[in-house]
Structures are given as structure tokens and as C-alpha cells.
Amino acid sequence: MKKLIFIFVLLGLFSCSDFIDKPKNLVDEDKMAAIIADLAINDQAIFMYPNKNLEAGTRFVLKSHNVKPDDFVESFKYYVIKEKMDGIANDAEEILLKKDPKADKYVKEKLKQNGNMAPVVR
């Protein structure tokens, strides 16, 4: 009886190879990094204009990249579960730093001042 239960437990463990199925309209990693970079810029714009609508900016970013909101959410979930989001976030950070060289200089100065910040891991 114990052997039978053990076999069923093993079959249950090995039958589930993925936690999540790949979405049919998966946004590729490079496009996802570009979208996240643009969303970060949009998020910072809210600090400058606090009475503006963040949702409209988010819709504009997704529309400019030709991505549906549902596809973005499903792709985001997929990459988080597959543990690929750290690499995508690092790529988005590099895109932001290329867009604004002053930001790169600011980040480097802050890293020198505050040594407890974690560096970008590749």
C-alpha cells in the first residue's frame, strides 16, 4: 500500500512540468523591456503632474507598442513565474539609462554615496 501511494505521489510530481502555460500572444522579452521602460517614464510623469490620469498614459504606452493590455498582463505573469523578469527589468533599466545620460550619471553618483544599493546583476 505504501508503495502504491509513493508511486501516485511521484506521478503527480512529474506530470506537472510547468506551473503556467505559455500565452498564445506572448510579448517577446525585448519588447517587454521597452514597454516597462516607457511605463517607468510614464510613472515618473505622474510625480510632476499629480492630477493627471495614469491609466491614460499606460494605455498610450501599450498602444504605441501595439500590445493589448490582456496580452501584456499574461506575458508579465508568465515571465514572473518563469523567473525571467529580473533580466527584463535590467534590460529596461539599460534602455532608460541610454535615453537619458544624465540619469546614468545620477545613478552612478548615488551608488558611490550609498554603498548598500545592489548593483545590476546580469
PDB file of N, CA and C in Angstrom:
ATOM      1  N   MET A   1       0.815  -1.196   0.000  1.00  0.00           N
ATOM      2  CA  MET A   1       0.000   0.000   0.000  1.00  0.00           C
ATOM      3  C   MET A   1       0.861   1.264   0.000  1.00  0.00           C
ATOM      4  N   LYS A   2       1.945   1.235   0.802  1.00  0.00           N
ATOM      5  CA  LYS A   2       2.840   2.387   0.854  1.00  0.00           C
ATOM      6  C   LYS A   2       3.513   2.623  -0.497  1.00  0.00           C
ATOM      7  N   LYS A   3       3.853   1.526  -1.166  1.00  0.00           N
ATOM      8  CA  LYS A   3       4.493   1.655  -2.476  1.00  0.00           C
ATOM      9  C   LYS A   3       3.535   2.259  -3.497  1.00  0.00           C
ATOM     10  N   LEU A   4       2.286   1.888  -3.421  1.00  0.00           N
ATOM     11  CA  LEU A   4       1.274   2.411  -4.335  1.00  0.00           C
ATOM     12  C   LEU A   4       1.072   3.916  -4.123  1.00  0.00           C
ATOM     13  N   ILE A   5       1.012   4.337  -2.882  1.00  0.00           N
ATOM     14  CA  ILE A   5       0.873   5.768  -2.582  1.00  0.00           C
ATOM     15  C   ILE A   5       2.116   6.522  -3.061  1.00  0.00           C
ATOM     16  N   PHE A   6       3.281   5.942  -2.826  1.00  0.00           N
ATOM     17  CA  PHE A   6       4.533   6.560  -3.274  1.00  0.00           C
ATOM     18  C   PHE A   6       4.558   6.723  -4.794  1.00  0.00           C
ATOM     19  N   ILE A   7       4.093   5.742  -5.520  1.00  0.00           N
ATOM     20  CA  ILE A   7       4.061   5.811  -6.986  1.00  0.00           C
ATOM     21  C   ILE A   7       3.112   6.910  -7.446  1.00  0.00           C
ATOM     22  N   PHE A   8       1.945   7.027  -6.833  1.00  0.00           N
ATOM     23  CA  PHE A   8       0.997   8.081  -7.204  1.00  0.00           C
ATOM     24  C   PHE A   8       1.544   9.474  -6.899  1.00  0.00           C
ATOM     25  N   VAL A   9       2.248   9.597  -5.798  1.00  0.00           N
ATOM     26  CA  VAL A   9       2.858  10.886  -5.453  1.00  0.00           C
ATOM     27  C   VAL A   9       3.913  11.249  -6.491  1.00  0.00           C
ATOM     28  N   LEU A  10       4.740  10.301  -6.870  1.00  0.00           N
ATOM     29  CA  LEU A  10       5.764  10.562  -7.878  1.00  0.00           C
ATOM     30  C   LEU A  10       5.144  10.909  -9.231  1.00  0.00           C
ATOM     31  N   LEU A  11       4.100  10.197  -9.612  1.00  0.00           N
ATOM     32  CA  LEU A  11       3.415  10.501 -10.866  1.00  0.00           C
ATOM     33  C   LEU A  11       2.823  11.907 -10.836  1.00  0.00           C
ATOM     34  N   GLY A  12       2.269  12.285  -9.710  1.00  0.00           N
ATOM     35  CA  GLY A  12       1.706  13.634  -9.571  1.00  0.00           C
ATOM     36  C   GLY A  12       2.768  14.701  -9.675  1.00  0.00           C
ATOM     37  N   LEU A  13       3.932  14.461  -9.107  1.00  0.00           N
ATOM     38  CA  LEU A  13       5.011  15.452  -9.162  1.00  0.00           C
ATOM     39  C   LEU A  13       5.569  15.614 -10.572  1.00  0.00           C
ATOM     40  N   PHE A  14       5.752  14.520 -11.269  1.00  0.00           N
ATOM     41  CA  PHE A  14       6.369  14.584 -12.585  1.00  0.00           C
ATOM     42  C   PHE A  14       5.390  14.894 -13.715  1.00  0.00           C
ATOM     43  N   SER A  15       4.116  14.786 -13.456  1.00  0.00           N
ATOM     44  CA  SER A  15       3.145  15.068 -14.510  1.00  0.00           C
ATOM     45  C   SER A  15       2.974  16.574 -14.728  1.00  0.00           C
ATOM     46  N   CYS A  16       3.248  17.367 -13.724  1.00  0.00           N
ATOM     47  CA  CYS A  16       3.113  18.829 -13.839  1.00  0.00           C
ATOM     48  C   CYS A  16       4.483  19.436 -14.075  1.00  0.00           C
ATOM     49  N   SER A  17       4.843  19.610 -15.327  1.00  0.00           N
ATOM     50  CA  SER A  17       6.169  20.140 -15.620  1.00  0.00           C
ATOM     51  C   SER A  17       6.198  21.665 -15.566  1.00  0.00           C
ATOM     52  N   ASP A  18       5.111  22.345 -15.918  1.00  0.00           N
ATOM     53  CA  ASP A  18       5.056  23.805 -15.896  1.00  0.00           C
ATOM     54  C   ASP A  18       3.941  24.268 -14.977  1.00  0.00           C
ATOM     55  N   PHE A  19       4.214  25.393 -14.305  1.00  0.00           N
ATOM     56  CA  PHE A  19       3.192  25.984 -13.456  1.00  0.00           C
ATOM     57  C   PHE A  19       2.178  26.768 -14.284  1.00  0.00           C
ATOM     58  N   ILE A  20       2.638  27.272 -15.410  1.00  0.00           N
ATOM     59  CA  ILE A  20       1.792  28.124 -16.246  1.00  0.00           C
ATOM     60  C   ILE A  20       2.054  27.777 -17.702  1.00  0.00           C
ATOM     61  N   ASP A  21       1.015  27.811 -18.487  1.00  0.00           N
ATOM     62  CA  ASP A  21       1.165  27.573 -19.921  1.00  0.00           C
ATOM     63  C   ASP A  21       1.615  28.855 -20.597  1.00  0.00           C
ATOM     64  N   LYS A  22       2.337  28.699 -21.688  1.00  0.00           N
ATOM     65  CA  LYS A  22       2.806  29.851 -22.447  1.00  0.00           C
ATOM     66  C   LYS A  22       1.606  30.536 -23.106  1.00  0.00           C
ATOM     67  N   PRO A  23       1.448  31.864 -22.886  1.00  0.00           N
ATOM     68  CA  PRO A  23       0.320  32.554 -23.521  1.00  0.00           C
ATOM     69  C   PRO A  23       0.442  32.524 -25.037  1.00  0.00           C
ATOM     70  N   LYS A  24      -0.700  32.494 -25.711  1.00  0.00           N
ATOM     71  CA  LYS A  24      -0.640  32.396 -27.175  1.00  0.00           C
ATOM     72  C   LYS A  24      -0.159  33.699 -27.810  1.00  0.00           C
ATOM     73  N   ASN A  25      -0.363  34.844 -27.172  1.00  0.00           N
ATOM     74  CA  ASN A  25       0.137  36.134 -27.677  1.00  0.00           C
ATOM     75  C   ASN A  25       1.231  36.659 -26.760  1.00  0.00           C
ATOM     76  N   LEU A  26       2.262  35.850 -26.540  1.00  0.00           N
ATOM     77  CA  LEU A  26       3.352  36.220 -25.645  1.00  0.00           C
ATOM     78  C   LEU A  26       4.155  37.376 -26.237  1.00  0.00           C
ATOM     79  N   VAL A  27       4.358  38.415 -25.431  1.00  0.00           N
ATOM     80  CA  VAL A  27       5.172  39.566 -25.829  1.00  0.00           C
ATOM     81  C   VAL A  27       6.628  39.152 -25.643  1.00  0.00           C
ATOM     82  N   ASP A  28       7.462  39.325 -26.683  1.00  0.00           N
ATOM     83  CA  ASP A  28       8.853  38.899 -26.555  1.00  0.00           C
ATOM     84  C   ASP A  28       9.594  39.766 -25.535  1.00  0.00           C
ATOM     85  N   GLU A  29      10.718  39.260 -25.044  1.00  0.00           N
ATOM     86  CA  GLU A  29      11.428  39.880 -23.925  1.00  0.00           C
ATOM     87  C   GLU A  29      11.925  41.287 -24.247  1.00  0.00           C
ATOM     88  N   ASP A  30      12.421  41.520 -25.468  1.00  0.00           N
ATOM     89  CA  ASP A  30      12.924  42.847 -25.828  1.00  0.00           C
ATOM     90  C   ASP A  30      11.800  43.880 -25.838  1.00  0.00           C
ATOM     91  N   LYS A  31      10.676  43.498 -26.396  1.00  0.00           N
ATOM     92  CA  LYS A  31       9.528  44.410 -26.437  1.00  0.00           C
ATOM     93  C   LYS A  31       8.999  44.661 -25.029  1.00  0.00           C
ATOM     94  N   MET A  32       9.020  43.626 -24.194  1.00  0.00           N
ATOM     95  CA  MET A  32       8.574  43.767 -22.816  1.00  0.00           C
ATOM     96  C   MET A  32       9.469  44.742 -22.056  1.00  0.00           C
ATOM     97  N   ALA A  33      10.775  44.676 -22.287  1.00  0.00           N
ATOM     98  CA  ALA A  33      11.706  45.598 -21.633  1.00  0.00           C
ATOM     99  C   ALA A  33      11.445  47.034 -22.086  1.00  0.00           C
ATOM    100  N   ALA A  34      11.174  47.223 -23.375  1.00  0.00           N
ATOM    101  CA  ALA A  34      10.881  48.564 -23.883  1.00  0.00           C
ATOM    102  C   ALA A  34       9.579  49.099 -23.292  1.00  0.00           C
ATOM    103  N   ILE A  35       8.587  48.249 -23.160  1.00  0.00           N
ATOM    104  CA  ILE A  35       7.311  48.675 -22.579  1.00  0.00           C
ATOM    105  C   ILE A  35       7.503  49.058 -21.115  1.00  0.00           C
ATOM    106  N   ILE A  36       8.248  48.252 -20.377  1.00  0.00           N
ATOM    107  CA  ILE A  36       8.468  48.552 -18.963  1.00  0.00           C
ATOM    108  C   ILE A  36       9.257  49.850 -18.801  1.00  0.00           C
ATOM    109  N   ALA A  37      10.207  50.106 -19.688  1.00  0.00           N
ATOM    110  CA  ALA A  37      10.951  51.365 -19.633  1.00  0.00           C
ATOM    111  C   ALA A  37      10.016  52.549 -19.873  1.00  0.00           C
ATOM    112  N   ASP A  38       9.150  52.434 -20.863  1.00  0.00           N
ATOM    113  CA  ASP A  38       8.200  53.518 -21.142  1.00  0.00           C
ATOM    114  C   ASP A  38       7.191  53.690 -20.009  1.00  0.00           C
ATOM    115  N   LEU A  39       6.792  52.588 -19.388  1.00  0.00           N
ATOM    116  CA  LEU A  39       5.878  52.686 -18.249  1.00  0.00           C
ATOM    117  C   LEU A  39       6.553  53.359 -17.045  1.00  0.00           C
ATOM    118  N   ALA A  40       7.845  53.138 -16.890  1.00  0.00           N
ATOM    119  CA  ALA A  40       8.578  53.800 -15.804  1.00  0.00           C
ATOM    120  C   ALA A  40       8.639  55.310 -16.036  1.00  0.00           C
ATOM    121  N   ILE A  41       8.841  55.716 -17.293  1.00  0.00           N
ATOM    122  CA  ILE A  41       8.836  57.146 -17.624  1.00  0.00           C
ATOM    123  C   ILE A  41       7.451  57.722 -17.361  1.00  0.00           C
ATOM    124  N   ASN A  42       6.423  56.995 -17.755  1.00  0.00           N
ATOM    125  CA  ASN A  42       5.049  57.425 -17.522  1.00  0.00           C
ATOM    126  C   ASN A  42       4.772  57.560 -16.026  1.00  0.00           C
ATOM    127  N   ASP A  43       5.282  56.632 -15.239  1.00  0.00           N
ATOM    128  CA  ASP A  43       5.088  56.669 -13.795  1.00  0.00           C
ATOM    129  C   ASP A  43       5.753  57.905 -13.181  1.00  0.00           C
ATOM    130  N   GLN A  44       6.911  58.263 -13.677  1.00  0.00           N
ATOM    131  CA  GLN A  44       7.597  59.446 -13.154  1.00  0.00           C
ATOM    132  C   GLN A  44       6.894  60.731 -13.575  1.00  0.00           C
ATOM    133  N   ALA A  45       6.222  60.707 -14.700  1.00  0.00           N
ATOM    134  CA  ALA A  45       5.482  61.893 -15.134  1.00  0.00           C
ATOM    135  C   ALA A  45       4.335  62.197 -14.181  1.00  0.00           C
ATOM    136  N   ILE A  46       3.820  61.193 -13.539  1.00  0.00           N
ATOM    137  CA  ILE A  46       2.730  61.396 -12.585  1.00  0.00           C
ATOM    138  C   ILE A  46       3.201  62.230 -11.392  1.00  0.00           C
ATOM    139  N   PHE A  47       4.484  62.084 -11.011  1.00  0.00           N
ATOM    140  CA  PHE A  47       5.004  62.894  -9.914  1.00  0.00           C
ATOM    141  C   PHE A  47       5.064  64.371 -10.279  1.00  0.00           C
ATOM    142  N   MET A  48       5.305  64.644 -11.559  1.00  0.00           N
ATOM    143  CA  MET A  48       5.368  66.040 -11.989  1.00  0.00           C
ATOM    144  C   MET A  48       3.974  66.627 -12.198  1.00  0.00           C
ATOM    145  N   TYR A  49       3.051  65.805 -12.625  1.00  0.00           N
ATOM    146  CA  TYR A  49       1.674  66.244 -12.872  1.00  0.00           C
ATOM    147  C   TYR A  49       0.733  65.335 -12.073  1.00  0.00           C
ATOM    148  N   PRO A  50       0.596  65.579 -10.768  1.00  0.00           N
ATOM    149  CA  PRO A  50      -0.139  64.634  -9.919  1.00  0.00           C
ATOM    150  C   PRO A  50      -1.634  64.515 -10.214  1.00  0.00           C
ATOM    151  N   ASN A  51      -2.233  65.487 -10.862  1.00  0.00           N
ATOM    152  CA  ASN A  51      -3.672  65.428 -11.111  1.00  0.00           C
ATOM    153  C   ASN A  51      -4.017  64.772 -12.451  1.00  0.00           C
ATOM    154  N   LYS A  52      -3.040  64.258 -13.143  1.00  0.00           N
ATOM    155  CA  LYS A  52      -3.283  63.637 -14.449  1.00  0.00           C
ATOM    156  C   LYS A  52      -3.620  62.159 -14.278  1.00  0.00           C
ATOM    157  N   ASN A  53      -4.132  61.571 -15.336  1.00  0.00           N
ATOM    158  CA  ASN A  53      -4.614  60.200 -15.317  1.00  0.00           C
ATOM    159  C   ASN A  53      -3.498  59.234 -15.719  1.00  0.00           C
ATOM    160  N   LEU A  54      -3.069  58.391 -14.801  1.00  0.00           N
ATOM    161  CA  LEU A  54      -2.032  57.404 -15.080  1.00  0.00           C
ATOM    162  C   LEU A  54      -2.521  56.337 -16.048  1.00  0.00           C
ATOM    163  N   GLU A  55      -3.784  55.998 -15.975  1.00  0.00           N
ATOM    164  CA  GLU A  55      -4.333  54.946 -16.824  1.00  0.00           C
ATOM    165  C   GLU A  55      -4.272  55.326 -18.302  1.00  0.00           C
ATOM    166  N   ALA A  56      -4.514  56.592 -18.605  1.00  0.00           N
ATOM    167  CA  ALA A  56      -4.452  57.040 -19.999  1.00  0.00           C
ATOM    168  C   ALA A  56      -3.026  56.916 -20.526  1.00  0.00           C
ATOM    169  N   GLY A  57      -2.054  57.247 -19.702  1.00  0.00           N
ATOM    170  CA  GLY A  57      -0.656  57.113 -20.116  1.00  0.00           C
ATOM    171  C   GLY A  57      -0.270  55.668 -20.343  1.00  0.00           C
ATOM    172  N   THR A  58      -0.772  54.797 -19.494  1.00  0.00           N
ATOM    173  CA  THR A  58      -0.489  53.369 -19.644  1.00  0.00           C
ATOM    174  C   THR A  58      -1.105  52.827 -20.927  1.00  0.00           C
ATOM    175  N   ARG A  59      -2.344  53.226 -21.199  1.00  0.00           N
ATOM    176  CA  ARG A  59      -2.987  52.793 -22.448  1.00  0.00           C
ATOM    177  C   ARG A  59      -2.213  53.295 -23.661  1.00  0.00           C
ATOM    178  N   PHE A  60      -1.712  54.547 -23.597  1.00  0.00           N
ATOM    179  CA  PHE A  60      -0.946  55.106 -24.705  1.00  0.00           C
ATOM    180  C   PHE A  60       0.341  54.316 -24.943  1.00  0.00           C
ATOM    181  N   VAL A  61       1.039  53.959 -23.859  1.00  0.00           N
ATOM    182  CA  VAL A  61       2.295  53.198 -23.994  1.00  0.00           C
ATOM    183  C   VAL A  61       2.018  51.849 -24.635  1.00  0.00           C
ATOM    184  N   LEU A  62       0.989  51.150 -24.164  1.00  0.00           N
ATOM    185  CA  LEU A  62       0.681  49.836 -24.735  1.00  0.00           C
ATOM    186  C   LEU A  62       0.236  49.953 -26.189  1.00  0.00           C
ATOM    187  N   LYS A  63      -0.542  50.998 -26.501  1.00  0.00           N
ATOM    188  CA  LYS A  63      -0.996  51.186 -27.882  1.00  0.00           C
ATOM    189  C   LYS A  63       0.172  51.530 -28.796  1.00  0.00           C
ATOM    190  N   SER A  64       1.138  52.317 -28.300  1.00  0.00           N
ATOM    191  CA  SER A  64       2.292  52.682 -29.134  1.00  0.00           C
ATOM    192  C   SER A  64       3.176  51.476 -29.442  1.00  0.00           C
ATOM    193  N   HIS A  65       3.130  50.454 -28.593  1.00  0.00           N
ATOM    194  CA  HIS A  65       3.893  49.224 -28.837  1.00  0.00           C
ATOM    195  C   HIS A  65       3.042  48.133 -29.490  1.00  0.00           C
ATOM    196  N   ASN A  66       1.789  48.462 -29.831  1.00  0.00           N
ATOM    197  CA  ASN A  66       0.858  47.518 -30.458  1.00  0.00           C
ATOM    198  C   ASN A  66       0.668  46.245 -29.624  1.00  0.00           C
ATOM    199  N   VAL A  67       0.439  46.456 -28.327  1.00  0.00           N
ATOM    200  CA  VAL A  67       0.227  45.337 -27.409  1.00  0.00           C
ATOM    201  C   VAL A  67      -1.102  45.556 -26.694  1.00  0.00           C
ATOM    202  N   LYS A  68      -1.908  44.507 -26.638  1.00  0.00           N
ATOM    203  CA  LYS A  68      -3.176  44.578 -25.908  1.00  0.00           C
ATOM    204  C   LYS A  68      -2.901  44.444 -24.406  1.00  0.00           C
ATOM    205  N   PRO A  69      -3.692  45.131 -23.584  1.00  0.00           N
ATOM    206  CA  PRO A  69      -3.468  45.052 -22.132  1.00  0.00           C
ATOM    207  C   PRO A  69      -3.508  43.627 -21.580  1.00  0.00           C
ATOM    208  N   ASP A  70      -4.426  42.814 -22.071  1.00  0.00           N
ATOM    209  CA  ASP A  70      -4.515  41.426 -21.593  1.00  0.00           C
ATOM    210  C   ASP A  70      -3.269  40.626 -21.952  1.00  0.00           C
ATOM    211  N   ASP A  71      -2.738  40.867 -23.161  1.00  0.00           N
ATOM    212  CA  ASP A  71      -1.513  40.177 -23.579  1.00  0.00           C
ATOM    213  C   ASP A  71      -0.334  40.592 -22.706  1.00  0.00           C
ATOM    214  N   PHE A  72      -0.279  41.887 -22.365  1.00  0.00           N
ATOM    215  CA  PHE A  72       0.804  42.375 -21.504  1.00  0.00           C
ATOM    216  C   PHE A  72       0.719  41.734 -20.129  1.00  0.00           C
ATOM    217  N   VAL A  73      -0.474  41.679 -19.553  1.00  0.00           N
ATOM    218  CA  VAL A  73      -0.647  41.111 -18.214  1.00  0.00           C
ATOM    219  C   VAL A  73      -0.297  39.627 -18.213  1.00  0.00           C
ATOM    220  N   GLU A  74      -0.765  38.899 -19.201  1.00  0.00           N
ATOM    221  CA  GLU A  74      -0.474  37.462 -19.273  1.00  0.00           C
ATOM    222  C   GLU A  74       1.019  37.215 -19.481  1.00  0.00           C
ATOM    223  N   SER A  75       1.657  38.025 -20.329  1.00  0.00           N
ATOM    224  CA  SER A  75       3.094  37.885 -20.553  1.00  0.00           C
ATOM    225  C   SER A  75       3.871  38.220 -19.286  1.00  0.00           C
ATOM    226  N   PHE A  76       3.422  39.259 -18.574  1.00  0.00           N
ATOM    227  CA  PHE A  76       4.079  39.648 -17.330  1.00  0.00           C
ATOM    228  C   PHE A  76       4.013  38.508 -16.311  1.00  0.00           C
ATOM    229  N   LYS A  77       2.839  37.907 -16.153  1.00  0.00           N
ATOM    230  CA  LYS A  77       2.682  36.781 -15.238  1.00  0.00           C
ATOM    231  C   LYS A  77       3.589  35.615 -15.642  1.00  0.00           C
ATOM    232  N   TYR A  78       3.625  35.343 -16.943  1.00  0.00           N
ATOM    233  CA  TYR A  78       4.429  34.233 -17.451  1.00  0.00           C
ATOM    234  C   TYR A  78       5.913  34.446 -17.136  1.00  0.00           C
ATOM    235  N   TYR A  79       6.409  35.656 -17.396  1.00  0.00           N
ATOM    236  CA  TYR A  79       7.827  35.927 -17.158  1.00  0.00           C
ATOM    237  C   TYR A  79       8.161  35.936 -15.671  1.00  0.00           C
ATOM    238  N   VAL A  80       7.244  36.369 -14.826  1.00  0.00           N
ATOM    239  CA  VAL A  80       7.488  36.343 -13.385  1.00  0.00           C
ATOM    240  C   VAL A  80       7.584  34.907 -12.893  1.00  0.00           C
ATOM    241  N   ILE A  81       6.664  34.059 -13.330  1.00  0.00           N
ATOM    242  CA  ILE A  81       6.672  32.670 -12.890  1.00  0.00           C
ATOM    243  C   ILE A  81       7.890  31.937 -13.437  1.00  0.00           C
ATOM    244  N   LYS A  82       8.286  32.238 -14.658  1.00  0.00           N
ATOM    245  CA  LYS A  82       9.455  31.599 -15.267  1.00  0.00           C
ATOM    246  C   LYS A  82      10.768  32.216 -14.788  1.00  0.00           C
ATOM    247  N   GLU A  83      10.691  33.211 -13.893  1.00  0.00           N
ATOM    248  CA  GLU A  83      11.846  33.877 -13.298  1.00  0.00           C
ATOM    249  C   GLU A  83      12.741  34.548 -14.340  1.00  0.00           C
ATOM    250  N   LYS A  84      12.127  35.144 -15.337  1.00  0.00           N
ATOM    251  CA  LYS A  84      12.851  35.892 -16.359  1.00  0.00           C
ATOM    252  C   LYS A  84      12.672  37.398 -16.193  1.00  0.00           C
ATOM    253  N   MET A  85      11.872  37.811 -15.216  1.00  0.00           N
ATOM    254  CA  MET A  85      11.549  39.225 -15.083  1.00  0.00           C
ATOM    255  C   MET A  85      12.749  40.049 -14.617  1.00  0.00           C
ATOM    256  N   ASP A  86      13.666  39.465 -13.852  1.00  0.00           N
ATOM    257  CA  ASP A  86      14.843  40.217 -13.420  1.00  0.00           C
ATOM    258  C   ASP A  86      15.683  40.660 -14.617  1.00  0.00           C
ATOM    259  N   GLY A  87      15.878  39.767 -15.562  1.00  0.00           N
ATOM    260  CA  GLY A  87      16.638  40.115 -16.762  1.00  0.00           C
ATOM    261  C   GLY A  87      15.925  41.158 -17.603  1.00  0.00           C
ATOM    262  N   ILE A  88      14.617  41.048 -17.701  1.00  0.00           N
ATOM    263  CA  ILE A  88      13.831  42.015 -18.468  1.00  0.00           C
ATOM    264  C   ILE A  88      13.890  43.381 -17.792  1.00  0.00           C
ATOM    265  N   ALA A  89      13.806  43.397 -16.463  1.00  0.00           N
ATOM    266  CA  ALA A  89      13.888  44.671 -15.728  1.00  0.00           C
ATOM    267  C   ALA A  89      15.267  45.307 -15.880  1.00  0.00           C
ATOM    268  N   ASN A  90      16.312  44.502 -15.897  1.00  0.00           N
ATOM    269  CA  ASN A  90      17.660  45.037 -16.119  1.00  0.00           C
ATOM    270  C   ASN A  90      17.790  45.617 -17.524  1.00  0.00           C
ATOM    271  N   ASP A  91      17.204  44.949 -18.500  1.00  0.00           N
ATOM    272  CA  ASP A  91      17.221  45.476 -19.868  1.00  0.00           C
ATOM    273  C   ASP A  91      16.452  46.795 -19.953  1.00  0.00           C
ATOM    274  N   ALA A  92      15.336  46.889 -19.238  1.00  0.00           N
ATOM    275  CA  ALA A  92      14.552  48.123 -19.215  1.00  0.00           C
ATOM    276  C   ALA A  92      15.356  49.247 -18.570  1.00  0.00           C
ATOM    277  N   GLU A  93      16.105  48.917 -17.531  1.00  0.00           N
ATOM    278  CA  GLU A  93      16.954  49.926 -16.880  1.00  0.00           C
ATOM    279  C   GLU A  93      18.029  50.432 -17.844  1.00  0.00           C
ATOM    280  N   GLU A  94      18.614  49.531 -18.609  1.00  0.00           N
ATOM    281  CA  GLU A  94      19.623  49.939 -19.597  1.00  0.00           C
ATOM    282  C   GLU A  94      19.004  50.837 -20.666  1.00  0.00           C
ATOM    283  N   ILE A  95      17.792  50.536 -21.084  1.00  0.00           N
ATOM    284  CA  ILE A  95      17.106  51.384 -22.072  1.00  0.00           C
ATOM    285  C   ILE A  95      16.896  52.775 -21.505  1.00  0.00           C
ATOM    286  N   LEU A  96      16.471  52.853 -20.251  1.00  0.00           N
ATOM    287  CA  LEU A  96      16.258  54.159 -19.617  1.00  0.00           C
ATOM    288  C   LEU A  96      17.553  54.949 -19.502  1.00  0.00           C
ATOM    289  N   LEU A  97      18.628  54.262 -19.143  1.00  0.00           N
ATOM    290  CA  LEU A  97      19.908  54.954 -18.994  1.00  0.00           C
ATOM    291  C   LEU A  97      20.462  55.420 -20.335  1.00  0.00           C
ATOM    292  N   LYS A  98      20.166  54.700 -21.409  1.00  0.00           N
ATOM    293  CA  LYS A  98      20.585  55.140 -22.742  1.00  0.00           C
ATOM    294  C   LYS A  98      19.777  56.341 -23.210  1.00  0.00           C
ATOM    295  N   LYS A  99      18.502  56.397 -22.818  1.00  0.00           N
ATOM    296  CA  LYS A  99      17.659  57.518 -23.230  1.00  0.00           C
ATOM    297  C   LYS A  99      18.068  58.813 -22.548  1.00  0.00           C
ATOM    298  N   ASP A 100      18.574  58.716 -21.320  1.00  0.00           N
ATOM    299  CA  ASP A 100      18.929  59.905 -20.562  1.00  0.00           C
ATOM    300  C   ASP A 100      20.308  59.723 -19.926  1.00  0.00           C
ATOM    301  N   PRO A 101      21.360  60.248 -20.554  1.00  0.00           N
ATOM    302  CA  PRO A 101      22.717  60.108 -19.983  1.00  0.00           C
ATOM    303  C   PRO A 101      22.854  60.762 -18.609  1.00  0.00           C
ATOM    304  N   LYS A 102      22.059  61.794 -18.342  1.00  0.00           N
ATOM    305  CA  LYS A 102      22.121  62.425 -17.028  1.00  0.00           C
ATOM    306  C   LYS A 102      21.650  61.461 -15.944  1.00  0.00           C
ATOM    307  N   ALA A 103      20.700  60.630 -16.275  1.00  0.00           N
ATOM    308  CA  ALA A 103      20.207  59.642 -15.317  1.00  0.00           C
ATOM    309  C   ALA A 103      21.300  58.634 -14.990  1.00  0.00           C
ATOM    310  N   ASP A 104      22.088  58.264 -15.984  1.00  0.00           N
ATOM    311  CA  ASP A 104      23.192  57.334 -15.763  1.00  0.00           C
ATOM    312  C   ASP A 104      24.198  57.949 -14.791  1.00  0.00           C
ATOM    313  N   LYS A 105      24.508  59.195 -15.003  1.00  0.00           N
ATOM    314  CA  LYS A 105      25.437  59.903 -14.123  1.00  0.00           C
ATOM    315  C   LYS A 105      24.863  59.996 -12.705  1.00  0.00           C
ATOM    316  N   TYR A 106      23.580  60.303 -12.593  1.00  0.00           N
ATOM    317  CA  TYR A 106      22.917  60.402 -11.294  1.00  0.00           C
ATOM    318  C   TYR A 106      22.942  59.064 -10.556  1.00  0.00           C
ATOM    319  N   VAL A 107      22.666  57.985 -11.254  1.00  0.00           N
ATOM    320  CA  VAL A 107      22.657  56.659 -10.633  1.00  0.00           C
ATOM    321  C   VAL A 107      24.052  56.300 -10.139  1.00  0.00           C
ATOM    322  N   LYS A 108      25.068  56.580 -10.936  1.00  0.00           N
ATOM    323  CA  LYS A 108      26.448  56.273 -10.522  1.00  0.00           C
ATOM    324  C   LYS A 108      26.849  57.081  -9.290  1.00  0.00           C
ATOM    325  N   GLU A 109      26.442  58.353  -9.230  1.00  0.00           N
ATOM    326  CA  GLU A 109      26.742  59.172  -8.056  1.00  0.00           C
ATOM    327  C   GLU A 109      26.040  58.628  -6.823  1.00  0.00           C
ATOM    328  N   LYS A 110      24.790  58.221  -6.966  1.00  0.00           N
ATOM    329  CA  LYS A 110      24.044  57.661  -5.839  1.00  0.00           C
ATOM    330  C   LYS A 110      24.655  56.342  -5.370  1.00  0.00           C
ATOM    331  N   LEU A 111      25.165  55.552  -6.295  1.00  0.00           N
ATOM    332  CA  LEU A 111      25.807  54.305  -5.905  1.00  0.00           C
ATOM    333  C   LEU A 111      27.077  54.570  -5.108  1.00  0.00           C
ATOM    334  N   LYS A 112      27.818  55.599  -5.481  1.00  0.00           N
ATOM    335  CA  LYS A 112      29.024  55.949  -4.730  1.00  0.00           C
ATOM    336  C   LYS A 112      28.672  56.445  -3.330  1.00  0.00           C
ATOM    337  N   GLN A 113      27.609  57.255  -3.238  1.00  0.00           N
ATOM    338  CA  GLN A 113      27.203  57.796  -1.941  1.00  0.00           C
ATOM    339  C   GLN A 113      26.599  56.733  -1.043  1.00  0.00           C
ATOM    340  N   ASN A 114      25.797  55.883  -1.615  1.00  0.00           N
ATOM    341  CA  ASN A 114      25.042  54.907  -0.847  1.00  0.00           C
ATOM    342  C   ASN A 114      25.491  53.512  -1.249  1.00  0.00           C
ATOM    343  N   GLY A 115      26.447  52.959  -0.554  1.00  0.00           N
ATOM    344  CA  GLY A 115      27.050  51.691  -0.935  1.00  0.00           C
ATOM    345  C   GLY A 115      26.175  50.477  -0.718  1.00  0.00           C
ATOM    346  N   ASN A 116      25.026  50.618  -0.063  1.00  0.00           N
ATOM    347  CA  ASN A 116      24.210  49.448   0.230  1.00  0.00           C
ATOM    348  C   ASN A 116      23.234  49.096  -0.875  1.00  0.00           C
ATOM    349  N   MET A 117      23.223  49.849  -1.980  1.00  0.00           N
ATOM    350  CA  MET A 117      22.334  49.503  -3.096  1.00  0.00           C
ATOM    351  C   MET A 117      22.942  48.350  -3.889  1.00  0.00           C
ATOM    352  N   ALA A 118      22.112  47.431  -4.288  1.00  0.00           N
ATOM    353  CA  ALA A 118      22.578  46.267  -5.042  1.00  0.00           C
ATOM    354  C   ALA A 118      22.867  46.665  -6.483  1.00  0.00           C
ATOM    355  N   PRO A 119      23.987  46.204  -7.046  1.00  0.00           N
ATOM    356  CA  PRO A 119      24.277  46.518  -8.447  1.00  0.00           C
ATOM    357  C   PRO A 119      23.377  45.725  -9.386  1.00  0.00           C
ATOM    358  N   VAL A 120      23.354  46.134 -10.641  1.00  0.00           N
ATOM    359  CA  VAL A 120      22.557  45.439 -11.651  1.00  0.00           C
ATOM    360  C   VAL A 120      23.231  44.093 -11.923  1.00  0.00           C
ATOM    361  N   VAL A 121      22.476  43.027 -11.786  1.00  0.00           N
ATOM    362  CA  VAL A 121      23.004  41.680 -11.953  1.00  0.00           C
ATOM    363  C   VAL A 121      22.611  41.174 -13.325  1.00  0.00           C
ATOM    364  N   ARG A 122      23.548  40.626 -14.023  1.00  0.00           N
ATOM    365  CA  ARG A 122      23.301  40.054 -15.352  1.00  0.00           C
ATOM    366  C   ARG A 122      23.312  38.576 -15.295  1.00  0.00           C
TER     367      ARG A 122
END
